[in-house]
Amino acid sequence: MILEKGYLYHIYNQGNNQRKIFFNRDNYIYFLNKIKTYITPYADILAWCLMPNHFHLMVLVNEENLSVIETDTTTSSHRISNKTRSINNSIAIMLRSYTRAINKQKGSSGSLFKAHTKSECLNCPNGVTPNFFIEKGVTSINMKASEEQYPQVCFNYIHQNPVKANLVAKETDYEFSSARDYAEIRDGKLINKKVAFEYVNFK
């Protein structure tokens, strides 16, 4: 997965063998806090949706690498060091951290997510066409749209996921997506509406 500064991306991953990754409401909230901690320092979140067995994020990357302070707990001195961490590494750490918490909760072990998180660039100059997909866990999209439409199609697609999966009747009925924030039903702090409206319309 390559994420470059200044570009929009659709980032997504799903549970191994399409298994659930969220088991109760607290899991969803916990994962949203992880997104805030590990992704928002690098990117503006324009849209998000957490489904029972996968997640979607639409982001504008602002920084590819950031300086972070890490504490080495493997030594008795707990040495503190200043390191550079990429957004890719930060996403990987987020998923590992969430996996550890779920494994502890369920008394299980092993990987929760598929090995590789996917990303589709929505406005890269090389004209990569988003092609998403997931199939039985729903998702899909093989777009035949112009490049200018990619951000809007992705934005709509992310919010329509719960409806297409027959979880709710309309987008704003679903708690775990940014649709309610754009409809002003909730004042969510995770998304950056000002940046989002430079690329998309929400009706």
Protein backbone atom coordinates (compact mmCIF):
# COMPACT_ATOMS: atom_id res chain seq x y z
CA MET A 1 0.00 0.00 0.00
CA ILE A 2 1.48 3.33 -1.09
CA LEU A 3 0.01 6.54 0.33
CA GLU A 4 1.35 9.84 -0.96
CA LYS A 5 0.95 13.32 0.44
CA GLY A 6 -1.70 15.47 -1.22
CA TYR A 7 -3.84 12.64 -2.60
CA LEU A 8 -7.20 11.13 -1.70
CA TYR A 9 -7.43 7.44 -0.88
CA HIS A 10 -10.05 4.85 -0.14
CA ILE A 11 -8.49 2.57 2.50
CA TYR A 12 -10.14 -0.69 3.47
CA ASN A 13 -9.57 -4.07 5.07
CA GLN A 14 -11.73 -6.96 6.24
CA GLY A 15 -11.66 -9.81 8.69
CA ASN A 16 -9.74 -12.96 7.84
CA ASN A 17 -12.04 -15.31 5.91
CA GLN A 18 -14.65 -12.53 6.05
CA ARG A 19 -15.08 -13.09 9.79
CA LYS A 20 -16.43 -10.39 12.08
CA ILE A 21 -14.03 -7.79 13.43
CA PHE A 22 -16.56 -5.93 15.60
CA PHE A 23 -18.52 -7.88 18.19
CA ASN A 24 -20.22 -5.19 20.25
CA ARG A 25 -20.73 -1.44 20.33
CA ASP A 26 -17.66 -0.88 22.49
CA ASN A 27 -15.49 -2.50 19.79
CA TYR A 28 -16.66 0.04 17.22
CA ILE A 29 -16.01 2.95 19.58
CA TYR A 30 -12.59 1.56 20.48
CA PHE A 31 -11.63 1.25 16.80
CA LEU A 32 -12.77 4.81 16.10
CA ASN A 33 -10.47 6.01 18.87
CA LYS A 34 -7.65 4.04 17.25
CA ILE A 35 -8.34 5.79 13.93
CA LYS A 36 -8.15 9.16 15.69
CA THR A 37 -4.85 8.23 17.36
CA TYR A 38 -3.08 6.54 14.46
CA ILE A 39 -4.47 8.11 11.27
CA THR A 40 -5.63 11.68 11.92
CA PRO A 41 -2.10 12.97 12.65
CA TYR A 42 -1.29 12.03 9.04
CA ALA A 43 -4.56 12.57 7.19
CA ASP A 44 -7.95 14.24 7.14
CA ILE A 45 -10.80 11.73 7.34
CA LEU A 46 -13.46 12.61 4.77
CA ALA A 47 -15.71 9.58 5.20
CA TRP A 48 -15.75 6.36 7.19
CA CYS A 49 -17.86 3.29 7.75
CA LEU A 50 -17.28 0.37 10.10
CA MET A 51 -19.14 -2.77 9.01
CA PRO A 52 -19.34 -5.94 11.12
CA ASN A 53 -16.57 -7.63 9.12
CA HIS A 54 -14.74 -4.79 7.36
CA PHE A 55 -14.07 -1.05 7.37
CA HIS A 56 -13.78 1.80 4.89
CA LEU A 57 -11.96 5.12 5.19
CA MET A 58 -11.72 7.96 2.69
CA VAL A 59 -8.74 10.12 3.57
CA LEU A 60 -6.67 13.03 2.29
CA VAL A 61 -3.03 12.36 3.16
CA ASN A 62 -1.28 15.42 4.64
CA GLU A 63 1.91 13.76 5.89
CA GLU A 64 3.63 10.56 4.79
CA ASN A 65 6.03 10.45 7.76
CA LEU A 66 5.98 11.95 11.24
CA SER A 67 8.37 12.02 14.15
CA VAL A 68 7.09 9.98 17.11
CA ILE A 69 8.41 9.37 20.60
CA GLU A 70 8.59 5.70 21.55
CA THR A 71 9.34 4.07 24.88
CA ASP A 72 11.28 0.81 24.82
CA THR A 73 9.61 -1.32 27.51
CA THR A 74 11.84 -4.32 26.81
CA THR A 75 14.63 -2.85 28.94
CA SER A 76 14.63 -1.94 32.61
CA SER A 77 15.62 1.64 31.75
CA HIS A 78 12.52 2.18 29.55
CA ARG A 79 14.63 4.13 27.08
CA ILE A 80 12.78 6.84 25.15
CA SER A 81 13.69 7.43 21.51
CA ASN A 82 12.55 9.75 18.74
CA LYS A 83 11.72 7.86 15.55
CA THR A 84 10.11 8.51 12.20
CA ARG A 85 6.93 6.58 11.49
CA SER A 86 5.13 6.40 8.14
CA ILE A 87 1.36 6.49 7.77
CA ASN A 88 1.55 2.90 6.48
CA ASN A 89 3.33 1.80 9.64
CA SER A 90 0.90 3.72 11.79
CA ILE A 91 -2.08 1.96 10.16
CA ALA A 92 -0.38 -1.42 10.66
CA ILE A 93 0.25 -0.62 14.34
CA MET A 94 -3.39 0.43 14.72
CA LEU A 95 -4.65 -2.89 13.34
CA ARG A 96 -2.23 -4.95 15.44
CA SER A 97 -3.20 -3.03 18.56
CA TYR A 98 -6.92 -3.54 17.88
CA THR A 99 -6.32 -7.24 17.15
CA ARG A 100 -4.54 -7.71 20.48
CA ALA A 101 -7.48 -6.13 22.31
CA ILE A 102 -10.04 -8.32 20.54
CA ASN A 103 -7.98 -11.47 21.09
CA LYS A 104 -7.79 -10.62 24.79
CA GLN A 105 -11.53 -9.96 24.90
CA LYS A 106 -12.40 -13.24 23.20
CA GLY A 107 -9.60 -15.38 24.60
CA SER A 108 -8.37 -16.09 21.09
CA SER A 109 -5.17 -15.63 19.11
CA GLY A 110 -3.99 -15.00 15.58
CA SER A 111 -4.68 -12.41 12.91
CA LEU A 112 -8.02 -10.63 12.91
CA PHE A 113 -7.57 -8.76 9.61
CA LYS A 114 -6.41 -9.80 6.17
CA ALA A 115 -2.66 -9.44 5.83
CA HIS A 116 -2.69 -6.50 3.44
CA THR A 117 -4.73 -3.34 3.91
CA LYS A 118 -5.87 -2.07 0.51
CA SER A 119 -5.88 1.47 -0.82
CA GLU A 120 -7.26 3.01 -3.99
CA CYS A 121 -6.10 6.48 -5.04
CA LEU A 122 -9.06 8.63 -6.04
CA ASN A 123 -7.24 11.54 -7.65
CA CYS A 124 -3.73 10.36 -8.54
CA PRO A 125 -2.35 11.67 -11.84
CA ASN A 126 -1.68 8.15 -13.15
CA GLY A 127 -5.42 7.61 -13.50
CA VAL A 128 -5.78 4.51 -11.34
CA THR A 129 -9.40 3.40 -11.49
CA PRO A 130 -10.89 2.37 -8.17
CA ASN A 131 -12.18 -1.20 -8.27
CA PHE A 132 -12.87 -1.99 -4.60
CA PHE A 133 -14.69 -5.35 -4.13
CA ILE A 134 -15.36 -7.82 -1.29
CA GLU A 135 -18.31 -9.83 -2.62
CA LYS A 136 -20.22 -11.82 0.00
CA GLY A 137 -19.42 -9.36 2.78
CA VAL A 138 -20.98 -7.01 0.22
CA THR A 139 -18.75 -4.10 -0.96
CA SER A 140 -18.07 -4.04 -4.75
CA ILE A 141 -17.80 -1.16 -7.21
CA ASN A 142 -16.01 -1.53 -10.61
CA MET A 143 -16.48 2.09 -11.60
CA LYS A 144 -16.98 3.37 -15.11
CA ALA A 145 -16.81 7.03 -14.13
CA SER A 146 -14.55 9.91 -15.07
CA GLU A 147 -11.62 10.66 -12.78
CA GLU A 148 -13.35 13.79 -11.49
CA GLN A 149 -16.21 11.63 -10.21
CA TYR A 150 -14.07 9.15 -8.26
CA PRO A 151 -14.13 11.05 -4.93
CA GLN A 152 -17.91 11.52 -5.07
CA VAL A 153 -18.59 7.91 -6.06
CA CYS A 154 -16.34 6.63 -3.28
CA PHE A 155 -17.89 8.97 -0.71
CA ASN A 156 -21.41 7.81 -1.62
CA TYR A 157 -20.34 4.19 -1.82
CA ILE A 158 -18.86 4.20 1.70
CA HIS A 159 -22.05 5.62 3.21
CA GLN A 160 -24.31 3.26 1.23
CA ASN A 161 -22.54 0.12 2.47
CA PRO A 162 -24.89 -0.58 5.43
CA VAL A 163 -27.94 -0.14 3.19
CA LYS A 164 -26.57 -2.48 0.52
CA ALA A 165 -25.82 -5.05 3.25
CA ASN A 166 -29.45 -4.77 4.43
CA LEU A 167 -28.37 -3.65 7.90
CA VAL A 168 -30.51 -0.49 7.75
CA ALA A 169 -33.14 1.11 5.51
CA LYS A 170 -31.27 4.37 4.97
CA GLU A 171 -27.70 5.62 5.43
CA THR A 172 -28.44 7.79 8.45
CA ASP A 173 -29.99 4.87 10.34
CA TYR A 174 -26.54 3.33 10.73
CA GLU A 175 -24.58 4.47 13.76
CA PHE A 176 -21.10 3.50 12.65
CA SER A 177 -20.50 5.69 9.61
CA SER A 178 -19.99 9.39 8.97
CA ALA A 179 -23.37 9.70 7.19
CA ARG A 180 -24.99 10.95 10.41
CA ASP A 181 -22.35 13.64 10.77
CA TYR A 182 -23.00 15.00 7.27
CA ALA A 183 -26.76 14.88 7.90
CA GLU A 184 -26.10 16.89 11.11
CA ILE A 185 -27.78 14.24 13.25
CA ARG A 186 -24.53 13.94 15.20
CA ASP A 187 -21.60 16.28 15.65
CA GLY A 188 -18.79 13.79 15.02
CA LYS A 189 -15.26 15.10 15.42
CA LEU A 190 -13.46 12.47 13.34
CA ILE A 191 -14.23 13.89 9.90
CA ASN A 192 -13.05 17.17 8.41
CA LYS A 193 -16.16 18.50 6.67
CA LYS A 194 -14.45 21.61 5.36
CA VAL A 195 -11.90 19.54 3.44
CA ALA A 196 -14.53 16.98 2.39
CA PHE A 197 -16.70 19.61 0.74
CA GLU A 198 -13.79 20.60 -1.50
CA TYR A 199 -14.13 17.19 -3.15
CA VAL A 200 -17.70 15.98 -2.63
CA ASN A 201 -21.31 16.96 -2.09
CA PHE A 202 -23.47 15.37 0.56
CA LYS A 203 -27.21 15.45 -0.06
